[in-house]
Amino acid sequence: MTTESHPANSYEQKKKWSDFYSSLTIEDHLCNLSRHRFFLTEMLKKKPKRIVEVGVGSATISIFLSHLGIEVIGIDNSREIIEKARKNCVKLNAKVEFILADGLSPLPLRDDFDIAFSQGVAEHFSDVEIESFVKYQLKVGKRVFFITTQRVLLPIFWR
C-alpha cells in the first residue's frame, strides 16, 4: 500500500515502504507474532482454510498462518515488498503465494476466502479510501479482520 494517499503521513512519504522491512530473524518473527496474538486468536476461532492478506509487509502473519496449514495469499502493490516477503518465506520455510495488486482497487481474486485481513495498512488512508479498502476485501472474503493504530476509523460494515 502506498502512503501518499493520506497527507498526515509526512515522515512516511519521504521513504518507501520497502525501506521499513528487512530480512526477518526468528526473534523478529516471534516478537511480531506475540504482539498480534489476540488478533491471530480471533481469526483462528473462525477455523479458516483460505486467507488473503492485503498489504503484506514482512509477511509475518501470513508465514505463521501457512505453518498452520492454511492456504495464504499475500497482496501488495510494491514489487520490493513482495520480494522481501518471499525471501522471508524461504528463510522461515513457509508457503505463501504473492500477487502484485493494489488494495484500493478490486482484488484479482475469486470470492472464496474465509478471511481477508490487513495489519497496519488502513490507518494510512482517508476514510473514503478505508471504505473502499474494506469493500474490496469483503468482495473476496467472507470476513474482514484488520488491525489499525494511530487514529479512530469511521464505522465500517462487517459481514
C-alpha atoms as a PDB file:
ATOM      1  CA  MET A   1       0.000   0.000   0.000  1.00  0.00           C
ATOM      2  CA  THR A   2       1.231   3.475  -0.644  1.00  0.00           C
ATOM      3  CA  THR A   3       1.442   6.175   1.976  1.00  0.00           C
ATOM      4  CA  GLU A   4       0.911   9.039  -0.435  1.00  0.00           C
ATOM      5  CA  SER A   5      -2.869   8.771  -0.021  1.00  0.00           C
ATOM      6  CA  HIS A   6      -3.002  10.300   3.428  1.00  0.00           C
ATOM      7  CA  PRO A   7      -1.392  13.729   3.926  1.00  0.00           C
ATOM      8  CA  ALA A   8      -0.826  13.205   7.667  1.00  0.00           C
ATOM      9  CA  ASN A   9       1.980  10.742   6.949  1.00  0.00           C
ATOM     10  CA  SER A  10       4.722  13.238   6.076  1.00  0.00           C
ATOM     11  CA  TYR A  11       7.555  11.122   7.531  1.00  0.00           C
ATOM     12  CA  GLU A  12       6.365   8.032   5.703  1.00  0.00           C
ATOM     13  CA  GLN A  13       6.029   9.943   2.435  1.00  0.00           C
ATOM     14  CA  LYS A  14       9.780  10.582   2.480  1.00  0.00           C
ATOM     15  CA  LYS A  15      10.542   6.866   2.435  1.00  0.00           C
ATOM     16  CA  LYS A  16       9.318   3.860   0.535  1.00  0.00           C
ATOM     17  CA  TRP A  17       7.587   1.079   2.465  1.00  0.00           C
ATOM     18  CA  SER A  18      10.291  -1.352   1.420  1.00  0.00           C
ATOM     19  CA  ASP A  19      12.768   0.738   3.458  1.00  0.00           C
ATOM     20  CA  PHE A  20      10.911  -0.296   6.620  1.00  0.00           C
ATOM     21  CA  TYR A  21      11.206  -4.044   6.081  1.00  0.00           C
ATOM     22  CA  SER A  22      14.348  -6.079   6.355  1.00  0.00           C
ATOM     23  CA  SER A  23      15.026  -9.780   6.470  1.00  0.00           C
ATOM     24  CA  LEU A  24      13.151 -11.380   9.361  1.00  0.00           C
ATOM     25  CA  THR A  25      15.113 -13.144  12.041  1.00  0.00           C
ATOM     26  CA  ILE A  26      13.357 -15.839  14.036  1.00  0.00           C
ATOM     27  CA  GLU A  27      13.408 -13.436  17.003  1.00  0.00           C
ATOM     28  CA  ASP A  28      11.679 -10.709  14.913  1.00  0.00           C
ATOM     29  CA  HIS A  29       9.128 -13.223  13.708  1.00  0.00           C
ATOM     30  CA  LEU A  30       8.275 -14.444  17.216  1.00  0.00           C
ATOM     31  CA  CYS A  31       8.147 -10.892  18.596  1.00  0.00           C
ATOM     32  CA  ASN A  32       5.740  -9.823  15.815  1.00  0.00           C
ATOM     33  CA  LEU A  33       3.544 -12.855  16.406  1.00  0.00           C
ATOM     34  CA  SER A  34       3.465 -12.192  20.132  1.00  0.00           C
ATOM     35  CA  ARG A  35       2.262  -8.627  19.556  1.00  0.00           C
ATOM     36  CA  HIS A  36      -0.547  -9.917  17.337  1.00  0.00           C
ATOM     37  CA  ARG A  37      -1.590 -12.923  19.416  1.00  0.00           C
ATOM     38  CA  PHE A  38      -5.075 -11.578  20.200  1.00  0.00           C
ATOM     39  CA  PHE A  39      -5.696 -10.706  16.546  1.00  0.00           C
ATOM     40  CA  LEU A  40      -4.478 -14.145  15.466  1.00  0.00           C
ATOM     41  CA  THR A  41      -6.588 -15.874  18.121  1.00  0.00           C
ATOM     42  CA  GLU A  42      -9.739 -14.132  16.894  1.00  0.00           C
ATOM     43  CA  MET A  43      -9.034 -15.045  13.274  1.00  0.00           C
ATOM     44  CA  LEU A  44      -8.228 -18.653  14.131  1.00  0.00           C
ATOM     45  CA  LYS A  45     -11.503 -19.050  16.065  1.00  0.00           C
ATOM     46  CA  LYS A  46     -13.189 -18.960  12.644  1.00  0.00           C
ATOM     47  CA  LYS A  47     -11.229 -22.073  11.550  1.00  0.00           C
ATOM     48  CA  PRO A  48     -10.208 -20.602   8.184  1.00  0.00           C
ATOM     49  CA  LYS A  49      -8.890 -22.745   5.350  1.00  0.00           C
ATOM     50  CA  ARG A  50      -8.076 -19.892   2.914  1.00  0.00           C
ATOM     51  CA  ILE A  51      -6.886 -16.408   3.868  1.00  0.00           C
ATOM     52  CA  VAL A  52      -5.744 -13.365   1.911  1.00  0.00           C
ATOM     53  CA  GLU A  53      -3.543 -10.673   3.464  1.00  0.00           C
ATOM     54  CA  VAL A  54      -3.809  -7.248   1.836  1.00  0.00           C
ATOM     55  CA  GLY A  55      -0.621  -5.268   2.403  1.00  0.00           C
ATOM     56  CA  VAL A  56       1.909  -7.943   3.349  1.00  0.00           C
ATOM     57  CA  GLY A  57       4.829  -6.030   4.845  1.00  0.00           C
ATOM     58  CA  SER A  58       7.271  -8.620   6.185  1.00  0.00           C
ATOM     59  CA  ALA A  59       4.594 -11.348   5.817  1.00  0.00           C
ATOM     60  CA  THR A  60       4.995 -12.399   9.472  1.00  0.00           C
ATOM     61  CA  ILE A  61       1.320 -13.208   9.966  1.00  0.00           C
ATOM     62  CA  SER A  62       0.970 -14.940   6.585  1.00  0.00           C
ATOM     63  CA  ILE A  63       4.057 -17.033   7.316  1.00  0.00           C
ATOM     64  CA  PHE A  64       2.626 -18.149  10.654  1.00  0.00           C
ATOM     65  CA  LEU A  65      -0.761 -18.981   9.149  1.00  0.00           C
ATOM     66  CA  SER A  66       0.886 -21.053   6.416  1.00  0.00           C
ATOM     67  CA  HIS A  67       2.726 -23.026   9.106  1.00  0.00           C
ATOM     68  CA  LEU A  68      -0.719 -23.982  10.452  1.00  0.00           C
ATOM     69  CA  GLY A  69      -1.643 -25.478   7.078  1.00  0.00           C
ATOM     70  CA  ILE A  70      -3.836 -22.567   5.985  1.00  0.00           C
ATOM     71  CA  GLU A  71      -3.650 -21.578   2.316  1.00  0.00           C
ATOM     72  CA  VAL A  72      -2.461 -17.961   2.288  1.00  0.00           C
ATOM     73  CA  ILE A  73      -2.218 -15.416  -0.498  1.00  0.00           C
ATOM     74  CA  GLY A  74      -0.495 -12.098   0.157  1.00  0.00           C
ATOM     75  CA  ILE A  75      -1.231  -8.984  -1.870  1.00  0.00           C
ATOM     76  CA  ASP A  76       0.842  -5.832  -2.013  1.00  0.00           C
ATOM     77  CA  ASN A  77       1.291  -3.033  -4.523  1.00  0.00           C
ATOM     78  CA  SER A  78       5.078  -2.971  -4.125  1.00  0.00           C
ATOM     79  CA  ARG A  79       7.325  -5.400  -6.002  1.00  0.00           C
ATOM     80  CA  GLU A  80      10.086  -4.686  -3.483  1.00  0.00           C
ATOM     81  CA  ILE A  81       7.852  -5.576  -0.523  1.00  0.00           C
ATOM     82  CA  ILE A  82       6.710  -8.775  -2.219  1.00  0.00           C
ATOM     83  CA  GLU A  83      10.312  -9.762  -2.941  1.00  0.00           C
ATOM     84  CA  LYS A  84      11.302  -9.204   0.694  1.00  0.00           C
ATOM     85  CA  ALA A  85       8.249 -11.155   1.862  1.00  0.00           C
ATOM     86  CA  ARG A  86       9.165 -14.036  -0.490  1.00  0.00           C
ATOM     87  CA  LYS A  87      12.684 -14.117   0.954  1.00  0.00           C
ATOM     88  CA  ASN A  88      11.228 -14.233   4.472  1.00  0.00           C
ATOM     89  CA  CYS A  89       9.032 -17.162   3.421  1.00  0.00           C
ATOM     90  CA  VAL A  90      12.026 -19.065   2.103  1.00  0.00           C
ATOM     91  CA  LYS A  91      14.058 -18.274   5.206  1.00  0.00           C
ATOM     92  CA  LEU A  92      11.250 -19.429   7.528  1.00  0.00           C
ATOM     93  CA  ASN A  93      10.117 -22.365   5.378  1.00  0.00           C
ATOM     94  CA  ALA A  94       6.640 -21.006   4.668  1.00  0.00           C
ATOM     95  CA  LYS A  95       4.341 -21.417   1.702  1.00  0.00           C
ATOM     96  CA  VAL A  96       2.600 -18.159   0.770  1.00  0.00           C
ATOM     97  CA  GLU A  97       1.604 -17.091  -2.735  1.00  0.00           C
ATOM     98  CA  PHE A  98       2.096 -13.397  -3.522  1.00  0.00           C
ATOM     99  CA  ILE A  99       0.240 -11.218  -6.012  1.00  0.00           C
ATOM    100  CA  LEU A 100       1.124  -7.687  -7.076  1.00  0.00           C
ATOM    101  CA  ALA A 101      -2.100  -5.669  -6.730  1.00  0.00           C
ATOM    102  CA  ASP A 102      -3.466  -2.577  -5.012  1.00  0.00           C
ATOM    103  CA  GLY A 103      -5.869  -2.953  -2.085  1.00  0.00           C
ATOM    104  CA  LEU A 104      -7.585   0.285  -3.091  1.00  0.00           C
ATOM    105  CA  SER A 105      -8.785  -1.379  -6.313  1.00  0.00           C
ATOM    106  CA  PRO A 106     -10.817  -4.523  -6.975  1.00  0.00           C
ATOM    107  CA  LEU A 107      -8.692  -7.509  -5.966  1.00  0.00           C
ATOM    108  CA  PRO A 108      -7.767 -10.015  -8.701  1.00  0.00           C
ATOM    109  CA  LEU A 109      -9.238 -12.974  -6.807  1.00  0.00           C
ATOM    110  CA  ARG A 110     -12.377 -15.070  -6.663  1.00  0.00           C
ATOM    111  CA  ASP A 111     -14.678 -14.644  -3.675  1.00  0.00           C
ATOM    112  CA  ASP A 112     -13.815 -17.861  -1.886  1.00  0.00           C
ATOM    113  CA  PHE A 113     -11.601 -16.770   1.013  1.00  0.00           C
ATOM    114  CA  ASP A 114     -12.704 -17.399   4.563  1.00  0.00           C
ATOM    115  CA  ILE A 115     -10.888 -14.279   5.764  1.00  0.00           C
ATOM    116  CA  ALA A 116      -9.328 -11.192   4.217  1.00  0.00           C
ATOM    117  CA  PHE A 117      -7.108  -9.256   6.618  1.00  0.00           C
ATOM    118  CA  SER A 118      -4.666  -6.413   6.896  1.00  0.00           C
ATOM    119  CA  GLN A 119      -2.409  -5.179   9.633  1.00  0.00           C
ATOM    120  CA  GLY A 120      -1.050  -1.654   9.872  1.00  0.00           C
ATOM    121  CA  VAL A 121      -2.403  -0.544   6.498  1.00  0.00           C
ATOM    122  CA  ALA A 122      -5.783   1.178   6.863  1.00  0.00           C
ATOM    123  CA  GLU A 123      -4.545   3.997   9.080  1.00  0.00           C
ATOM    124  CA  HIS A 124      -2.584   5.391   6.142  1.00  0.00           C
ATOM    125  CA  PHE A 125      -5.720   6.116   4.126  1.00  0.00           C
ATOM    126  CA  SER A 126      -8.523   8.653   4.224  1.00  0.00           C
ATOM    127  CA  ASP A 127     -11.915   7.496   5.488  1.00  0.00           C
ATOM    128  CA  VAL A 128     -13.196   7.209   1.913  1.00  0.00           C
ATOM    129  CA  GLU A 129     -10.177   5.070   0.957  1.00  0.00           C
ATOM    130  CA  ILE A 130     -10.668   2.891   4.039  1.00  0.00           C
ATOM    131  CA  GLU A 131     -14.246   2.245   2.993  1.00  0.00           C
ATOM    132  CA  SER A 132     -13.063   1.133  -0.474  1.00  0.00           C
ATOM    133  CA  PHE A 133     -10.213  -0.899   1.028  1.00  0.00           C
ATOM    134  CA  VAL A 134     -12.644  -2.861   3.221  1.00  0.00           C
ATOM    135  CA  LYS A 135     -15.280  -3.114   0.475  1.00  0.00           C
ATOM    136  CA  TYR A 136     -12.805  -4.775  -1.910  1.00  0.00           C
ATOM    137  CA  GLN A 137     -11.745  -7.210   0.805  1.00  0.00           C
ATOM    138  CA  LEU A 138     -15.394  -8.094   1.514  1.00  0.00           C
ATOM    139  CA  LYS A 139     -15.821  -8.998  -2.160  1.00  0.00           C
ATOM    140  CA  VAL A 140     -13.255 -11.814  -1.829  1.00  0.00           C
ATOM    141  CA  GLY A 141     -13.545 -12.773   1.837  1.00  0.00           C
ATOM    142  CA  LYS A 142     -16.434 -13.936   3.977  1.00  0.00           C
ATOM    143  CA  ARG A 143     -14.990 -11.889   6.847  1.00  0.00           C
ATOM    144  CA  VAL A 144     -12.585  -8.969   7.100  1.00  0.00           C
ATOM    145  CA  PHE A 145     -10.195  -8.512  10.000  1.00  0.00           C
ATOM    146  CA  PHE A 146      -7.775  -5.654  10.410  1.00  0.00           C
ATOM    147  CA  ILE A 147      -5.574  -4.022  12.992  1.00  0.00           C
ATOM    148  CA  THR A 148      -5.035  -0.312  12.859  1.00  0.00           C
ATOM    149  CA  THR A 149      -3.303   2.227  15.038  1.00  0.00           C
ATOM    150  CA  GLN A 150      -2.880   5.970  15.294  1.00  0.00           C
ATOM    151  CA  ARG A 151      -6.420   7.129  14.616  1.00  0.00           C
ATOM    152  CA  VAL A 152     -10.062   6.228  15.030  1.00  0.00           C
ATOM    153  CA  LEU A 153     -11.739   4.795  11.962  1.00  0.00           C
ATOM    154  CA  LEU A 154     -15.194   5.511  10.680  1.00  0.00           C
ATOM    155  CA  PRO A 155     -17.768   2.807  11.446  1.00  0.00           C
ATOM    156  CA  ILE A 156     -17.079   0.013   8.976  1.00  0.00           C
ATOM    157  CA  PHE A 157     -19.607  -2.517   7.773  1.00  0.00           C
ATOM    158  CA  TRP A 158     -18.887  -6.156   8.502  1.00  0.00           C
ATOM    159  CA  ARG A 159     -20.287  -9.358   7.162  1.00  0.00           C
END
